[in-house]
Amino acid sequence: MITHMSTPRWPERLWHYTDCSGLFGIVSSQALRFGHVRFLNDATETSFGRDTVRRLVSDPIGLTAILARYPIGVEALFRKIETSTEYFVFSLTEAADTLSQWQRYSSAGRGYAIAFDVHALLDALPGTVRLRPMRYSAEAQRVRLEEVIADDSKNEPNPAQLQRFTAAISELPFEFKNPAFADEKEWRLTCSTFEDVPGHRLLFLPRADITKLYLDMSSLHKDSGILLPIRSVVCGPKLDPRTALDATRRFLWSNGYADVEVEASQLCTVWR
């Protein structure tokens, strides 16, 4: 079993909201498409995370703890944080069949929500992939930084450890999100490098008026015939359940997912 980084207790299931193309791609290719952080839906997201980390690192207590081990200078550390861009994410959520998720991430209710078995999913992906809960409150963000500093303090300070530590600090902006989005209850599968990731493929796809960069991450079990651990699919509230349910069941069955539960959103009677 692959060992992944320590996190708060994982939920048994997490959901991915997507449109019809997303469902088709995941099921037919047995791969998850990780988006490059420079092309997230919310353009302010990365800047919010970096500003938050800069503020926390500038706190006298946090800064003293860091510089006591690594006298590299504050600005040098900030430059590392602000230039960290080779980072890919795949968004999941604890929120099952929730209006805000349908509106924001699933073609305004005309898409699908895919439920994954969390532990099985992590075992199916390369060990370089991490599962991280998003931190929304100022207190949760401060505690997360303290965890990174505490983990670092267990190791002997040296150039290699400094590199690992600054990499960990540089990834924190992608774990911090504005409290206004706390209702999303987001978790992220993340990958900060891709050169040594088996089964990956870089993609450039047109989205609106630009070409976005993605990382297609195949399951390690793909060639053995073991499917991605999809446990259920919910058809969006704006879809016609008479056709959507039957079409989705047939599509899943044709790709080997005979036992996946398919159901209509409970919101279909109140949001049409």
Protein backbone atom coordinates (compact mmCIF):
# COMPACT_ATOMS: atom_id res chain seq x y z
CA MET A 1 0.00 0.00 0.00
CA ILE A 2 1.31 3.45 -0.92
CA THR A 3 2.02 5.74 2.02
CA HIS A 4 0.73 9.28 1.57
CA MET A 5 1.37 12.35 3.67
CA SER A 6 -0.28 12.74 7.06
CA THR A 7 -3.60 14.58 6.82
CA PRO A 8 -6.78 14.92 8.86
CA ARG A 9 -8.85 11.76 8.76
CA TRP A 10 -9.99 11.02 5.24
CA PRO A 11 -13.68 10.73 4.44
CA GLU A 12 -14.74 7.36 3.06
CA ARG A 13 -15.99 9.03 -0.13
CA LEU A 14 -15.27 12.25 -1.94
CA TRP A 15 -17.14 13.69 -4.91
CA HIS A 16 -15.99 15.23 -8.16
CA TYR A 17 -18.50 17.47 -9.97
CA THR A 18 -18.05 17.70 -13.71
CA ASP A 19 -19.84 18.05 -17.04
CA CYS A 20 -20.71 15.27 -19.46
CA SER A 21 -17.29 15.47 -21.17
CA GLY A 22 -15.58 15.09 -17.80
CA LEU A 23 -17.58 11.98 -16.90
CA PHE A 24 -16.92 10.51 -20.33
CA GLY A 25 -13.18 11.20 -20.10
CA ILE A 26 -12.69 9.76 -16.61
CA VAL A 27 -14.65 6.58 -17.26
CA SER A 28 -13.40 5.85 -20.78
CA SER A 29 -9.72 6.72 -20.21
CA GLN A 30 -9.32 5.48 -16.61
CA ALA A 31 -7.46 8.72 -15.89
CA LEU A 32 -8.00 11.87 -13.85
CA ARG A 33 -7.22 15.24 -15.39
CA PHE A 34 -5.24 17.44 -13.00
CA GLY A 35 -5.38 21.15 -13.85
CA HIS A 36 -2.35 23.45 -13.67
CA VAL A 37 -2.75 25.94 -10.81
CA ARG A 38 -2.07 28.91 -13.04
CA PHE A 39 -5.35 28.21 -14.81
CA LEU A 40 -7.75 27.71 -11.89
CA ASN A 41 -11.33 28.93 -12.32
CA ASP A 42 -10.83 31.63 -9.69
CA ALA A 43 -8.00 33.92 -10.79
CA THR A 44 -7.57 35.31 -7.25
CA GLU A 45 -7.15 31.90 -5.62
CA THR A 46 -3.38 31.58 -5.98
CA SER A 47 -2.72 35.17 -4.95
CA PHE A 48 -4.92 34.74 -1.87
CA GLY A 49 -2.93 31.68 -0.81
CA ARG A 50 0.43 33.32 -1.36
CA ASP A 51 -0.58 36.51 0.45
CA THR A 52 -1.78 34.39 3.37
CA VAL A 53 1.48 32.44 3.56
CA ARG A 54 3.52 35.64 3.34
CA ARG A 55 1.55 37.12 6.22
CA LEU A 56 1.92 33.99 8.35
CA VAL A 57 5.62 33.60 7.64
CA SER A 58 6.16 37.27 8.51
CA ASP A 59 4.73 36.67 11.98
CA PRO A 60 7.63 37.07 14.46
CA ILE A 61 7.12 33.61 15.98
CA GLY A 62 6.95 31.77 12.67
CA LEU A 63 9.76 33.78 11.14
CA THR A 64 12.05 33.29 14.12
CA ALA A 65 11.53 29.52 14.03
CA ILE A 66 12.36 29.38 10.33
CA LEU A 67 15.37 31.69 10.27
CA ALA A 68 16.86 30.06 13.36
CA ARG A 69 17.37 26.94 11.26
CA TYR A 70 17.86 28.45 7.83
CA PRO A 71 19.39 31.96 7.71
CA ILE A 72 18.43 32.34 4.06
CA GLY A 73 16.69 35.68 4.36
CA VAL A 74 13.02 36.52 4.28
CA GLU A 75 12.88 37.74 0.69
CA ALA A 76 14.65 34.64 -0.59
CA LEU A 77 11.98 32.49 1.04
CA PHE A 78 9.20 34.66 -0.38
CA ARG A 79 10.67 34.42 -3.87
CA LYS A 80 10.53 30.64 -3.64
CA ILE A 81 6.90 30.82 -2.57
CA GLU A 82 5.90 33.24 -5.31
CA THR A 83 7.69 31.42 -8.14
CA SER A 84 6.31 27.97 -7.34
CA THR A 85 4.03 27.30 -10.31
CA GLU A 86 4.57 23.71 -11.50
CA TYR A 87 1.67 22.33 -9.52
CA PHE A 88 -1.36 20.34 -10.62
CA VAL A 89 -4.63 19.71 -8.77
CA PHE A 90 -7.77 17.58 -9.05
CA SER A 91 -10.66 18.90 -6.98
CA LEU A 92 -12.93 16.78 -4.81
CA THR A 93 -15.48 17.65 -2.15
CA GLU A 94 -17.26 16.22 0.87
CA ALA A 95 -20.47 17.92 -0.34
CA ALA A 96 -22.76 15.35 -1.94
CA ASP A 97 -25.61 16.65 -4.11
CA THR A 98 -25.19 20.28 -3.10
CA LEU A 99 -26.66 23.23 -4.99
CA SER A 100 -23.50 25.37 -4.92
CA GLN A 101 -21.43 22.55 -6.42
CA TRP A 102 -23.94 21.92 -9.21
CA GLN A 103 -24.04 25.62 -10.04
CA ARG A 104 -20.30 26.27 -10.02
CA TYR A 105 -18.71 23.09 -11.34
CA SER A 106 -21.26 21.00 -13.16
CA SER A 107 -22.68 22.91 -16.13
CA ALA A 108 -25.20 24.73 -13.94
CA GLY A 109 -26.86 21.50 -12.91
CA ARG A 110 -26.58 19.67 -16.24
CA GLY A 111 -23.54 17.61 -15.28
CA TYR A 112 -22.64 14.74 -12.98
CA ALA A 113 -21.17 14.10 -9.53
CA ILE A 114 -18.82 11.12 -9.28
CA ALA A 115 -18.22 9.51 -5.88
CA PHE A 116 -14.80 7.89 -5.33
CA ASP A 117 -13.71 5.51 -2.60
CA VAL A 118 -10.93 7.64 -1.10
CA HIS A 119 -8.52 4.97 0.15
CA ALA A 120 -8.85 2.87 -2.99
CA LEU A 121 -8.32 5.96 -5.14
CA LEU A 122 -5.09 6.85 -3.36
CA ASP A 123 -3.82 3.30 -3.80
CA ALA A 124 -4.59 3.55 -7.52
CA LEU A 125 -2.50 6.71 -8.01
CA PRO A 126 1.28 7.25 -7.94
CA GLY A 127 2.86 7.90 -4.54
CA THR A 128 3.80 11.44 -5.58
CA VAL A 129 0.10 12.35 -5.50
CA ARG A 130 -1.10 13.81 -2.19
CA LEU A 131 -4.57 14.31 -0.78
CA ARG A 132 -4.96 17.65 0.99
CA PRO A 133 -7.98 19.27 2.66
CA MET A 134 -8.40 22.95 1.89
CA ARG A 135 -8.00 25.27 4.91
CA TYR A 136 -10.48 28.12 5.00
CA SER A 137 -10.23 29.77 8.41
CA ALA A 138 -7.30 31.91 9.55
CA GLU A 139 -6.80 29.60 12.52
CA ALA A 140 -6.67 26.45 10.35
CA GLN A 141 -4.17 28.13 8.03
CA ARG A 142 -1.93 29.18 10.93
CA VAL A 143 -2.03 25.67 12.41
CA ARG A 144 -1.09 24.17 9.03
CA LEU A 145 2.02 26.37 8.79
CA GLU A 146 2.98 25.39 12.31
CA GLU A 147 2.66 21.72 11.32
CA VAL A 148 5.08 22.22 8.44
CA ILE A 149 7.58 23.99 10.71
CA ALA A 150 7.21 21.28 13.37
CA ASP A 151 7.75 18.49 10.81
CA ASP A 152 10.87 20.24 9.58
CA SER A 153 12.28 20.62 13.10
CA LYS A 154 12.47 16.82 13.41
CA ASN A 155 15.24 16.73 10.78
CA GLU A 156 18.82 17.88 10.77
CA PRO A 157 19.13 21.29 9.03
CA ASN A 158 21.18 21.00 5.85
CA PRO A 159 20.89 22.16 2.23
CA ALA A 160 18.82 19.13 1.16
CA GLN A 161 16.42 19.56 4.07
CA LEU A 162 16.15 23.28 3.31
CA GLN A 163 15.09 22.40 -0.22
CA ARG A 164 12.41 20.02 1.08
CA PHE A 165 11.22 22.57 3.61
CA THR A 166 10.93 25.44 1.14
CA ALA A 167 9.09 23.10 -1.25
CA ALA A 168 6.59 22.31 1.52
CA ILE A 169 6.16 26.02 2.31
CA SER A 170 5.75 26.80 -1.39
CA GLU A 171 2.87 24.32 -1.68
CA LEU A 172 0.89 25.86 1.18
CA PRO A 173 -0.76 28.58 -0.97
CA PHE A 174 -2.57 25.81 -2.82
CA GLU A 175 -4.04 24.50 0.45
CA PHE A 176 -5.39 27.88 1.59
CA LYS A 177 -8.65 29.29 0.29
CA ASN A 178 -10.83 32.31 1.01
CA PRO A 179 -13.33 31.63 3.84
CA ALA A 180 -16.12 32.72 1.46
CA PHE A 181 -15.76 29.31 -0.22
CA ALA A 182 -15.89 27.24 2.97
CA ASP A 183 -19.22 25.70 1.91
CA GLU A 184 -17.37 23.82 -0.84
CA LYS A 185 -15.63 21.53 1.69
CA GLU A 186 -12.92 20.96 -0.89
CA TRP A 187 -10.14 18.41 -0.85
CA ARG A 188 -7.46 18.26 -3.52
CA LEU A 189 -5.39 15.57 -5.08
CA THR A 190 -2.12 17.35 -5.83
CA CYS A 191 1.09 16.71 -7.70
CA SER A 192 3.97 19.17 -7.58
CA THR A 193 6.20 17.40 -10.09
CA PHE A 194 5.37 15.17 -13.01
CA GLU A 195 8.67 14.01 -14.55
CA ASP A 196 8.81 10.89 -12.37
CA VAL A 197 5.08 10.15 -12.33
CA PRO A 198 4.23 6.89 -14.14
CA GLY A 199 1.28 6.94 -16.48
CA HIS A 200 1.08 10.70 -16.85
CA ARG A 201 0.48 12.66 -20.02
CA LEU A 202 0.63 16.44 -20.47
CA LEU A 203 -2.30 17.90 -22.37
CA PHE A 204 -2.98 21.33 -23.84
CA LEU A 205 -6.69 21.91 -24.32
CA PRO A 206 -8.69 24.94 -25.50
CA ARG A 207 -10.80 26.47 -22.74
CA ALA A 208 -12.68 29.69 -23.54
CA ASP A 209 -10.08 32.04 -25.06
CA ILE A 210 -6.85 30.34 -23.91
CA THR A 211 -5.12 26.96 -24.05
CA LYS A 212 -4.86 25.37 -20.61
CA LEU A 213 -2.33 22.85 -19.36
CA TYR A 214 -3.45 19.58 -17.76
CA LEU A 215 -1.84 16.42 -16.42
CA ASP A 216 -3.64 13.23 -17.38
CA MET A 217 -2.98 10.86 -14.44
CA SER A 218 -3.73 7.22 -15.23
CA SER A 219 -4.47 4.61 -12.60
CA LEU A 220 -1.51 2.40 -11.70
CA HIS A 221 -3.88 -0.55 -12.10
CA LYS A 222 -5.11 0.43 -15.55
CA ASP A 223 -3.25 -2.33 -17.41
CA SER A 224 -4.38 -4.98 -14.92
CA GLY A 225 -8.04 -4.37 -15.66
CA ILE A 226 -8.80 -2.93 -12.22
CA LEU A 227 -11.11 0.06 -12.62
CA LEU A 228 -10.98 3.40 -10.87
CA PRO A 229 -12.90 3.11 -7.57
CA ILE A 230 -16.08 4.90 -8.68
CA ARG A 231 -18.85 4.01 -6.25
CA SER A 232 -21.76 6.10 -7.53
CA VAL A 233 -22.74 8.73 -10.07
CA VAL A 234 -25.44 11.34 -9.50
CA CYS A 235 -27.10 12.91 -12.53
CA GLY A 236 -27.53 16.67 -12.16
CA PRO A 237 -30.85 18.28 -11.20
CA LYS A 238 -31.29 19.97 -14.57
CA LEU A 239 -31.01 16.70 -16.51
CA ASP A 240 -34.08 14.74 -17.54
CA PRO A 241 -33.86 11.67 -15.27
CA ARG A 242 -35.84 9.53 -17.72
CA THR A 243 -32.98 9.63 -20.23
CA ALA A 244 -29.96 10.57 -18.08
CA LEU A 245 -30.23 7.61 -15.70
CA ASP A 246 -30.57 5.01 -18.43
CA ALA A 247 -27.86 6.53 -20.63
CA THR A 248 -25.42 6.79 -17.70
CA ARG A 249 -26.03 3.22 -16.56
CA ARG A 250 -25.49 1.91 -20.09
CA PHE A 251 -22.31 3.96 -20.52
CA LEU A 252 -20.85 2.78 -17.20
CA TRP A 253 -21.80 -0.84 -17.91
CA SER A 254 -20.13 -0.72 -21.34
CA ASN A 255 -16.90 0.38 -19.65
CA GLY A 256 -16.97 -2.34 -17.00
CA TYR A 257 -18.74 -0.46 -14.20
CA ALA A 258 -21.69 -2.80 -13.79
CA ASP A 259 -22.06 -2.28 -10.02
CA VAL A 260 -21.90 1.52 -9.81
CA GLU A 261 -25.01 3.10 -8.33
CA VAL A 262 -26.59 5.71 -10.59
CA GLU A 263 -29.23 8.05 -9.23
CA ALA A 264 -30.90 11.37 -9.90
CA SER A 265 -30.13 14.43 -7.80
CA GLN A 266 -32.50 14.95 -4.92
CA LEU A 267 -32.65 18.60 -6.00
CA CYS A 268 -34.34 17.85 -9.33
CA THR A 269 -37.79 18.56 -7.85
CA VAL A 270 -36.83 21.97 -6.45
CA TRP A 271 -34.37 23.33 -9.04
CA ARG A 272 -35.59 23.03 -12.60
